[in-house]
All heavy atoms as atom14 arrays in JSON, in Angstrom:
{
  "sequence": "VRGIHLINEPLFFHPVFTLIKPFLSEKIKARIHLHGSNYLQT",
  "atom14_mask": [
    [1, 1, 1, 1, 1, 1, 1, 0, 0, 0, 0, 0, 0, 0],
    [1, 1, 1, 1, 1, 1, 1, 1, 1, 1, 1, 0, 0, 0],
    [1, 1, 1, 1, 0, 0, 0, 0, 0, 0, 0, 0, 0, 0],
    [1, 1, 1, 1, 1, 1, 1, 1, 0, 0, 0, 0, 0, 0],
    [1, 1, 1, 1, 1, 1, 1, 1, 1, 1, 0, 0, 0, 0],
    [1, 1, 1, 1, 1, 1, 1, 1, 0, 0, 0, 0, 0, 0],
    [1, 1, 1, 1, 1, 1, 1, 1, 0, 0, 0, 0, 0, 0],
    [1, 1, 1, 1, 1, 1, 1, 1, 0, 0, 0, 0, 0, 0],
    [1, 1, 1, 1, 1, 1, 1, 1, 1, 0, 0, 0, 0, 0],
    [1, 1, 1, 1, 1, 1, 1, 0, 0, 0, 0, 0, 0, 0],
    [1, 1, 1, 1, 1, 1, 1, 1, 0, 0, 0, 0, 0, 0],
    [1, 1, 1, 1, 1, 1, 1, 1, 1, 1, 1, 0, 0, 0],
    [1, 1, 1, 1, 1, 1, 1, 1, 1, 1, 1, 0, 0, 0],
    [1, 1, 1, 1, 1, 1, 1, 1, 1, 1, 0, 0, 0, 0],
    [1, 1, 1, 1, 1, 1, 1, 0, 0, 0, 0, 0, 0, 0],
    [1, 1, 1, 1, 1, 1, 1, 0, 0, 0, 0, 0, 0, 0],
    [1, 1, 1, 1, 1, 1, 1, 1, 1, 1, 1, 0, 0, 0],
    [1, 1, 1, 1, 1, 1, 1, 0, 0, 0, 0, 0, 0, 0],
    [1, 1, 1, 1, 1, 1, 1, 1, 0, 0, 0, 0, 0, 0],
    [1, 1, 1, 1, 1, 1, 1, 1, 0, 0, 0, 0, 0, 0],
    [1, 1, 1, 1, 1, 1, 1, 1, 1, 0, 0, 0, 0, 0],
    [1, 1, 1, 1, 1, 1, 1, 0, 0, 0, 0, 0, 0, 0],
    [1, 1, 1, 1, 1, 1, 1, 1, 1, 1, 1, 0, 0, 0],
    [1, 1, 1, 1, 1, 1, 1, 1, 0, 0, 0, 0, 0, 0],
    [1, 1, 1, 1, 1, 1, 0, 0, 0, 0, 0, 0, 0, 0],
    [1, 1, 1, 1, 1, 1, 1, 1, 1, 0, 0, 0, 0, 0],
    [1, 1, 1, 1, 1, 1, 1, 1, 1, 0, 0, 0, 0, 0],
    [1, 1, 1, 1, 1, 1, 1, 1, 0, 0, 0, 0, 0, 0],
    [1, 1, 1, 1, 1, 1, 1, 1, 1, 0, 0, 0, 0, 0],
    [1, 1, 1, 1, 1, 0, 0, 0, 0, 0, 0, 0, 0, 0],
    [1, 1, 1, 1, 1, 1, 1, 1, 1, 1, 1, 0, 0, 0],
    [1, 1, 1, 1, 1, 1, 1, 1, 0, 0, 0, 0, 0, 0],
    [1, 1, 1, 1, 1, 1, 1, 1, 1, 1, 0, 0, 0, 0],
    [1, 1, 1, 1, 1, 1, 1, 1, 0, 0, 0, 0, 0, 0],
    [1, 1, 1, 1, 1, 1, 1, 1, 1, 1, 0, 0, 0, 0],
    [1, 1, 1, 1, 0, 0, 0, 0, 0, 0, 0, 0, 0, 0],
    [1, 1, 1, 1, 1, 1, 0, 0, 0, 0, 0, 0, 0, 0],
    [1, 1, 1, 1, 1, 1, 1, 1, 0, 0, 0, 0, 0, 0],
    [1, 1, 1, 1, 1, 1, 1, 1, 1, 1, 1, 1, 0, 0],
    [1, 1, 1, 1, 1, 1, 1, 1, 0, 0, 0, 0, 0, 0],
    [1, 1, 1, 1, 1, 1, 1, 1, 1, 0, 0, 0, 0, 0],
    [1, 1, 1, 1, 1, 1, 1, 0, 0, 0, 0, 0, 0, 0]
  ],
  "atom14_positions": [
    [[214.46, 122.72, -33.54], [214.28, 122.06, -34.83], [212.79, 122.08, -35.14], [212.01, 121.32, -34.58], [214.84, 120.63, -34.82], [214.62, 119.96, -36.18], [216.31, 120.63, -34.45], [0.0, 0.0, 0.0], [0.0, 0.0, 0.0], [0.0, 0.0, 0.0], [0.0, 0.0, 0.0], [0.0, 0.0, 0.0], [0.0, 0.0, 0.0], [0.0, 0.0, 0.0]],
    [[212.39, 122.96, -36.05], [210.97, 123.18, -36.34], [210.43, 122.25, -37.42], [209.21, 122.12, -37.56], [210.75, 124.63, -36.77], [211.04, 125.66, -35.69], [210.14, 125.49, -34.5], [210.09, 126.71, -33.68], [209.51, 126.77, -32.5], [208.95, 125.68, -31.99], [209.49, 127.9, -31.81], [0.0, 0.0, 0.0], [0.0, 0.0, 0.0], [0.0, 0.0, 0.0]],
    [[211.32, 121.62, -38.18], [210.84, 120.72, -39.22], [211.99, 120.0, -39.88], [213.09, 120.54, -40.04], [0.0, 0.0, 0.0], [0.0, 0.0, 0.0], [0.0, 0.0, 0.0], [0.0, 0.0, 0.0], [0.0, 0.0, 0.0], [0.0, 0.0, 0.0], [0.0, 0.0, 0.0], [0.0, 0.0, 0.0], [0.0, 0.0, 0.0], [0.0, 0.0, 0.0]],
    [[211.76, 118.74, -40.27], [212.73, 117.93, -41.0], [212.0, 117.37, -42.21], [211.02, 116.62, -42.08], [213.29, 116.78, -40.14], [214.02, 117.35, -38.9], [214.23, 115.9, -40.95], [214.47, 116.28, -37.92], [0.0, 0.0, 0.0], [0.0, 0.0, 0.0], [0.0, 0.0, 0.0], [0.0, 0.0, 0.0], [0.0, 0.0, 0.0], [0.0, 0.0, 0.0]],
    [[212.46, 117.73, -43.39], [211.8, 117.33, -44.63], [212.74, 116.43, -45.44], [213.87, 116.82, -45.74], [211.42, 118.56, -45.45], [210.42, 119.45, -44.77], [209.07, 119.44, -45.09], [210.56, 120.36, -43.78], [208.43, 120.3, -44.33], [209.32, 120.87, -43.51], [0.0, 0.0, 0.0], [0.0, 0.0, 0.0], [0.0, 0.0, 0.0], [0.0, 0.0, 0.0]],
    [[212.26, 115.23, -45.77], [213.03, 114.28, -46.55], [212.43, 114.19, -47.94], [211.22, 114.01, -48.1], [213.03, 112.9, -45.89], [213.43, 112.83, -44.41], [213.39, 111.4, -43.92], [214.81, 113.43, -44.19], [0.0, 0.0, 0.0], [0.0, 0.0, 0.0], [0.0, 0.0, 0.0], [0.0, 0.0, 0.0], [0.0, 0.0, 0.0], [0.0, 0.0, 0.0]],
    [[213.28, 114.31, -48.96], [212.81, 114.18, -50.34], [213.68, 113.16, -51.06], [214.83, 112.91, -50.69], [212.83, 115.53, -51.1], [214.26, 116.04, -51.29], [212.01, 116.57, -50.34], [214.35, 117.28, -52.15], [0.0, 0.0, 0.0], [0.0, 0.0, 0.0], [0.0, 0.0, 0.0], [0.0, 0.0, 0.0], [0.0, 0.0, 0.0], [0.0, 0.0, 0.0]],
    [[213.1, 112.54, -52.09], [213.8, 111.54, -52.91], [214.31, 110.38, -52.08], [215.33, 109.77, -52.42], [214.98, 112.2, -53.66], [214.52, 113.09, -54.79], [213.56, 112.78, -55.5], [215.2, 114.22, -54.96], [0.0, 0.0, 0.0], [0.0, 0.0, 0.0], [0.0, 0.0, 0.0], [0.0, 0.0, 0.0], [0.0, 0.0, 0.0], [0.0, 0.0, 0.0]],
    [[213.62, 110.05, -50.99], [214.11, 108.98, -50.14], [213.85, 107.62, -50.8], [212.72, 107.28, -51.15], [213.48, 109.03, -48.75], [211.98, 108.84, -48.66], [211.19, 110.13, -48.84], [211.74, 111.09, -49.4], [210.02, 110.14, -48.44], [0.0, 0.0, 0.0], [0.0, 0.0, 0.0], [0.0, 0.0, 0.0], [0.0, 0.0, 0.0], [0.0, 0.0, 0.0]],
    [[214.9, 106.8, -51.0], [214.74, 105.46, -51.59], [214.25, 104.48, -50.53], [214.33, 104.75, -49.33], [216.15, 105.1, -52.06], [217.04, 105.84, -51.1], [216.31, 107.11, -50.75], [0.0, 0.0, 0.0], [0.0, 0.0, 0.0], [0.0, 0.0, 0.0], [0.0, 0.0, 0.0], [0.0, 0.0, 0.0], [0.0, 0.0, 0.0], [0.0, 0.0, 0.0]],
    [[213.78, 103.35, -50.97], [213.26, 102.35, -50.04], [214.33, 101.89, -49.06], [214.06, 101.68, -47.88], [212.7, 101.15, -50.81], [211.36, 101.36, -51.51], [210.98, 100.12, -52.31], [210.27, 101.69, -50.49], [0.0, 0.0, 0.0], [0.0, 0.0, 0.0], [0.0, 0.0, 0.0], [0.0, 0.0, 0.0], [0.0, 0.0, 0.0], [0.0, 0.0, 0.0]],
    [[215.58, 101.74, -49.54], [216.6, 101.21, -48.64], [217.16, 102.28, -47.7], [218.11, 102.03, -46.96], [217.73, 100.52, -49.41], [218.41, 101.35, -50.45], [219.5, 102.13, -50.14], [217.97, 101.33, -51.76], [220.14, 102.9, -51.09], [218.6, 102.09, -52.74], [219.69, 102.87, -52.4], [0.0, 0.0, 0.0], [0.0, 0.0, 0.0], [0.0, 0.0, 0.0]],
    [[216.57, 103.48, -47.71], [216.9, 104.45, -46.67], [216.11, 104.18, -45.4], [216.55, 104.49, -44.3], [216.61, 105.88, -47.15], [216.68, 106.91, -46.04], [217.91, 107.34, -45.55], [215.52, 107.43, -45.46], [217.98, 108.27, -44.52], [215.59, 108.36, -44.44], [216.82, 108.78, -43.97], [0.0, 0.0, 0.0], [0.0, 0.0, 0.0], [0.0, 0.0, 0.0]],
    [[214.95, 103.58, -45.53], [214.05, 103.42, -44.39], [214.64, 102.61, -43.24], [214.35, 102.91, -42.07], [212.71, 102.82, -44.86], [211.92, 103.79, -45.69], [211.17, 104.81, -45.13], [211.78, 103.94, -47.03], [210.6, 105.52, -46.08], [210.96, 105.01, -47.25], [0.0, 0.0, 0.0], [0.0, 0.0, 0.0], [0.0, 0.0, 0.0], [0.0, 0.0, 0.0]],
    [[215.47, 101.58, -43.48], [216.11, 100.9, -42.33], [216.96, 101.86, -41.49], [216.98, 101.75, -40.25], [216.97, 99.82, -42.99], [216.27, 99.52, -44.26], [215.74, 100.84, -44.74], [0.0, 0.0, 0.0], [0.0, 0.0, 0.0], [0.0, 0.0, 0.0], [0.0, 0.0, 0.0], [0.0, 0.0, 0.0], [0.0, 0.0, 0.0], [0.0, 0.0, 0.0]],
    [[217.65, 102.79, -42.13], [218.44, 103.78, -41.38], [217.51, 104.71, -40.6], [217.76, 105.03, -39.44], [219.34, 104.59, -42.33], [220.04, 105.73, -41.58], [220.38, 103.67, -42.96], [0.0, 0.0, 0.0], [0.0, 0.0, 0.0], [0.0, 0.0, 0.0], [0.0, 0.0, 0.0], [0.0, 0.0, 0.0], [0.0, 0.0, 0.0], [0.0, 0.0, 0.0]],
    [[216.45, 105.12, -41.24], [215.47, 105.99, -40.57], [214.87, 105.27, -39.36], [214.67, 105.87, -38.3], [214.39, 106.37, -41.58], [213.42, 107.4, -41.07], [213.87, 108.58, -40.49], [212.05, 107.22, -41.18], [212.98, 109.54, -40.03], [211.16, 108.17, -40.72], [211.62, 109.32, -40.14], [0.0, 0.0, 0.0], [0.0, 0.0, 0.0], [0.0, 0.0, 0.0]],
    [[214.6, 103.99, -39.52], [214.07, 103.19, -38.41], [215.07, 103.09, -37.27], [214.69, 103.05, -36.09], [213.71, 101.78, -38.91], [212.74, 101.87, -39.96], [213.15, 100.91, -37.79], [0.0, 0.0, 0.0], [0.0, 0.0, 0.0], [0.0, 0.0, 0.0], [0.0, 0.0, 0.0], [0.0, 0.0, 0.0], [0.0, 0.0, 0.0], [0.0, 0.0, 0.0]],
    [[216.36, 103.09, -37.61], [217.41, 103.02, -36.59], [217.47, 104.3, -35.77], [217.7, 104.27, -34.55], [218.76, 102.78, -37.28], [220.0, 102.6, -36.4], [219.89, 101.32, -35.58], [221.26, 102.59, -37.26], [0.0, 0.0, 0.0], [0.0, 0.0, 0.0], [0.0, 0.0, 0.0], [0.0, 0.0, 0.0], [0.0, 0.0, 0.0], [0.0, 0.0, 0.0]],
    [[217.25, 105.44, -36.41], [217.36, 106.74, -35.75], [216.11, 107.08, -34.94], [216.2, 107.67, -33.86], [217.65, 107.84, -36.79], [219.01, 107.61, -37.45], [217.6, 109.22, -36.16], [219.3, 108.56, -38.59], [0.0, 0.0, 0.0], [0.0, 0.0, 0.0], [0.0, 0.0, 0.0], [0.0, 0.0, 0.0], [0.0, 0.0, 0.0], [0.0, 0.0, 0.0]],
    [[214.93, 106.72, -35.45], [213.67, 107.16, -34.86], [213.51, 106.89, -33.37], [213.01, 107.75, -32.64], [212.48, 106.57, -35.62], [212.12, 107.33, -36.88], [210.85, 106.8, -37.52], [209.61, 107.2, -36.74], [208.38, 106.81, -37.45], [0.0, 0.0, 0.0], [0.0, 0.0, 0.0], [0.0, 0.0, 0.0], [0.0, 0.0, 0.0], [0.0, 0.0, 0.0]],
    [[213.91, 105.71, -32.86], [213.71, 105.47, -31.42], [214.42, 106.46, -30.51], [214.02, 106.64, -29.36], [214.27, 104.04, -31.23], [214.17, 103.41, -32.56], [214.44, 104.51, -33.54], [0.0, 0.0, 0.0], [0.0, 0.0, 0.0], [0.0, 0.0, 0.0], [0.0, 0.0, 0.0], [0.0, 0.0, 0.0], [0.0, 0.0, 0.0], [0.0, 0.0, 0.0]],
    [[215.48, 107.09, -31.01], [216.23, 108.04, -30.2], [215.64, 109.45, -30.25], [216.1, 110.34, -29.52], [217.69, 108.08, -30.66], [218.41, 106.76, -30.58], [218.85, 106.12, -31.72], [218.63, 106.15, -29.35], [219.51, 104.91, -31.66], [219.29, 104.93, -29.27], [219.73, 104.31, -30.42], [0.0, 0.0, 0.0], [0.0, 0.0, 0.0], [0.0, 0.0, 0.0]],
    [[214.66, 109.66, -31.1], [214.08, 110.99, -31.27], [212.89, 111.2, -30.34], [212.16, 110.25, -30.02], [213.61, 111.2, -32.72], [214.68, 111.08, -33.81], [214.04, 111.21, -35.18], [215.75, 112.14, -33.62], [0.0, 0.0, 0.0], [0.0, 0.0, 0.0], [0.0, 0.0, 0.0], [0.0, 0.0, 0.0], [0.0, 0.0, 0.0], [0.0, 0.0, 0.0]],
    [[212.69, 112.43, -29.91], [211.53, 112.75, -29.08], [210.27, 112.7, -29.92], [210.31, 112.79, -31.16], [211.69, 114.15, -28.48], [211.62, 115.13, -29.5], [0.0, 0.0, 0.0], [0.0, 0.0, 0.0], [0.0, 0.0, 0.0], [0.0, 0.0, 0.0], [0.0, 0.0, 0.0], [0.0, 0.0, 0.0], [0.0, 0.0, 0.0], [0.0, 0.0, 0.0]],
    [[209.13, 112.57, -29.27], [207.86, 112.55, -29.99], [207.63, 113.87, -30.72], [207.05, 113.9, -31.81], [206.71, 112.26, -29.03], [206.74, 110.85, -28.43], [206.73, 109.77, -29.5], [205.95, 109.89, -30.46], [207.52, 108.81, -29.38], [0.0, 0.0, 0.0], [0.0, 0.0, 0.0], [0.0, 0.0, 0.0], [0.0, 0.0, 0.0], [0.0, 0.0, 0.0]],
    [[208.09, 114.96, -30.14], [207.93, 116.26, -30.77], [208.68, 116.33, -32.09], [208.16, 116.82, -33.1], [208.41, 117.37, -29.83], [208.22, 118.78, -30.38], [208.76, 119.83, -29.42], [207.92, 119.92, -28.18], [208.34, 121.05, -27.29], [0.0, 0.0, 0.0], [0.0, 0.0, 0.0], [0.0, 0.0, 0.0], [0.0, 0.0, 0.0], [0.0, 0.0, 0.0]],
    [[209.91, 115.81, -32.1], [210.71, 115.81, -33.32], [210.09, 114.87, -34.36], [209.99, 115.2, -35.55], [212.16, 115.41, -33.05], [212.86, 116.47, -32.2], [212.92, 115.18, -34.35], [213.05, 117.8, -32.91], [0.0, 0.0, 0.0], [0.0, 0.0, 0.0], [0.0, 0.0, 0.0], [0.0, 0.0, 0.0], [0.0, 0.0, 0.0], [0.0, 0.0, 0.0]],
    [[209.65, 113.7, -33.92], [209.02, 112.75, -34.85], [207.82, 113.38, -35.55], [207.6, 113.15, -36.75], [208.58, 111.5, -34.1], [209.7, 110.61, -33.61], [209.14, 109.43, -32.82], [210.24, 108.6, -32.19], [209.69, 107.5, -31.35], [0.0, 0.0, 0.0], [0.0, 0.0, 0.0], [0.0, 0.0, 0.0], [0.0, 0.0, 0.0], [0.0, 0.0, 0.0]],
    [[207.05, 114.17, -34.82], [205.86, 114.79, -35.39], [206.21, 115.86, -36.42], [205.35, 116.27, -37.21], [204.99, 115.39, -34.29], [0.0, 0.0, 0.0], [0.0, 0.0, 0.0], [0.0, 0.0, 0.0], [0.0, 0.0, 0.0], [0.0, 0.0, 0.0], [0.0, 0.0, 0.0], [0.0, 0.0, 0.0], [0.0, 0.0, 0.0], [0.0, 0.0, 0.0]],
    [[207.45, 116.3, -36.43], [207.87, 117.37, -37.34], [208.63, 116.83, -38.56], [209.23, 117.6, -39.3], [208.73, 118.38, -36.58], [207.94, 119.14, -35.52], [208.8, 120.04, -34.67], [207.97, 120.79, -33.73], [208.44, 121.55, -32.75], [209.75, 121.67, -32.58], [207.62, 122.19, -31.92], [0.0, 0.0, 0.0], [0.0, 0.0, 0.0], [0.0, 0.0, 0.0]],
    [[208.63, 115.52, -38.73], [209.29, 114.9, -39.88], [208.28, 114.72, -41.01], [207.19, 114.21, -40.81], [209.91, 113.55, -39.49], [211.01, 113.75, -38.44], [210.47, 112.84, -40.72], [211.6, 112.46, -37.91], [0.0, 0.0, 0.0], [0.0, 0.0, 0.0], [0.0, 0.0, 0.0], [0.0, 0.0, 0.0], [0.0, 0.0, 0.0], [0.0, 0.0, 0.0]],
    [[208.66, 115.16, -42.21], [207.79, 115.08, -43.38], [208.51, 114.28, -44.47], [209.64, 114.59, -44.83], [207.45, 116.48, -43.91], [206.86, 117.39, -42.88], [205.5, 117.54, -42.68], [207.46, 118.2, -41.95], [205.28, 118.4, -41.71], [206.45, 118.81, -41.24], [0.0, 0.0, 0.0], [0.0, 0.0, 0.0], [0.0, 0.0, 0.0], [0.0, 0.0, 0.0]],
    [[207.85, 113.26, -44.98], [208.39, 112.44, -46.06], [207.7, 112.84, -47.36], [206.5, 112.64, -47.53], [208.18, 110.96, -45.76], [208.72, 110.44, -44.42], [208.41, 108.97, -44.24], [210.21, 110.69, -44.29], [0.0, 0.0, 0.0], [0.0, 0.0, 0.0], [0.0, 0.0, 0.0], [0.0, 0.0, 0.0], [0.0, 0.0, 0.0], [0.0, 0.0, 0.0]],
    [[208.47, 113.39, -48.3], [207.89, 113.9, -49.54], [208.07, 112.96, -50.73], [207.35, 113.09, -51.72], [208.52, 115.25, -49.89], [208.23, 116.33, -48.92], [207.17, 117.21, -49.04], [208.87, 116.69, -47.77], [207.17, 118.06, -48.04], [208.19, 117.77, -47.24], [0.0, 0.0, 0.0], [0.0, 0.0, 0.0], [0.0, 0.0, 0.0], [0.0, 0.0, 0.0]],
    [[209.02, 112.04, -50.65], [209.27, 111.15, -51.77], [209.73, 111.9, -53.0], [210.36, 112.96, -52.93], [0.0, 0.0, 0.0], [0.0, 0.0, 0.0], [0.0, 0.0, 0.0], [0.0, 0.0, 0.0], [0.0, 0.0, 0.0], [0.0, 0.0, 0.0], [0.0, 0.0, 0.0], [0.0, 0.0, 0.0], [0.0, 0.0, 0.0], [0.0, 0.0, 0.0]],
    [[209.37, 111.36, -54.17], [209.77, 111.98, -55.44], [208.78, 113.04, -55.89], [209.0, 113.71, -56.91], [209.91, 110.9, -56.52], [208.68, 110.2, -56.69], [0.0, 0.0, 0.0], [0.0, 0.0, 0.0], [0.0, 0.0, 0.0], [0.0, 0.0, 0.0], [0.0, 0.0, 0.0], [0.0, 0.0, 0.0], [0.0, 0.0, 0.0], [0.0, 0.0, 0.0]],
    [[207.71, 113.22, -55.13], [206.67, 114.2, -55.48], [206.93, 115.56, -54.84], [206.02, 116.38, -54.72], [205.3, 113.66, -55.03], [204.15, 114.43, -55.65], [204.19, 114.77, -56.83], [203.12, 114.7, -54.87], [0.0, 0.0, 0.0], [0.0, 0.0, 0.0], [0.0, 0.0, 0.0], [0.0, 0.0, 0.0], [0.0, 0.0, 0.0], [0.0, 0.0, 0.0]],
    [[208.16, 115.82, -54.45], [208.47, 117.01, -53.66], [208.22, 118.33, -54.37], [207.96, 119.35, -53.73], [209.92, 116.96, -53.17], [210.95, 117.02, -54.28], [211.46, 118.24, -54.7], [211.4, 115.86, -54.89], [212.4, 118.3, -55.71], [212.34, 115.92, -55.9], [212.83, 117.14, -56.31], [213.75, 117.21, -57.31], [0.0, 0.0, 0.0], [0.0, 0.0, 0.0]],
    [[208.28, 118.35, -55.7], [208.05, 119.6, -56.41], [206.63, 120.13, -56.2], [206.39, 121.34, -56.31], [208.32, 119.43, -57.91], [209.8, 119.33, -58.3], [209.93, 119.08, -59.79], [210.56, 120.59, -57.9], [0.0, 0.0, 0.0], [0.0, 0.0, 0.0], [0.0, 0.0, 0.0], [0.0, 0.0, 0.0], [0.0, 0.0, 0.0], [0.0, 0.0, 0.0]],
    [[205.72, 119.23, -55.88], [204.35, 119.64, -55.59], [204.14, 119.95, -54.11], [203.38, 120.85, -53.75], [203.36, 118.55, -56.02], [203.1, 118.48, -57.52], [204.29, 117.94, -58.3], [204.89, 116.95, -57.9], [204.66, 118.61, -59.38], [0.0, 0.0, 0.0], [0.0, 0.0, 0.0], [0.0, 0.0, 0.0], [0.0, 0.0, 0.0], [0.0, 0.0, 0.0]],
    [[204.83, 119.21, -53.23], [204.54, 119.31, -51.79], [205.49, 120.24, -51.04], [205.08, 120.95, -50.12], [204.59, 117.92, -51.15], [205.89, 117.33, -51.37], [203.52, 117.01, -51.75], [0.0, 0.0, 0.0], [0.0, 0.0, 0.0], [0.0, 0.0, 0.0], [0.0, 0.0, 0.0], [0.0, 0.0, 0.0], [0.0, 0.0, 0.0], [0.0, 0.0, 0.0]]
  ]
}
């Protein structure tokens, strides 16, 4: 898994993301990118 990109993430998604993160390796965590609603630029 070389990269995980999240776009259009709402605020109430973050509790779920917080639930998953502890189970992920540090390598995977470093490859997660949060783009929000500005994804067309990023």
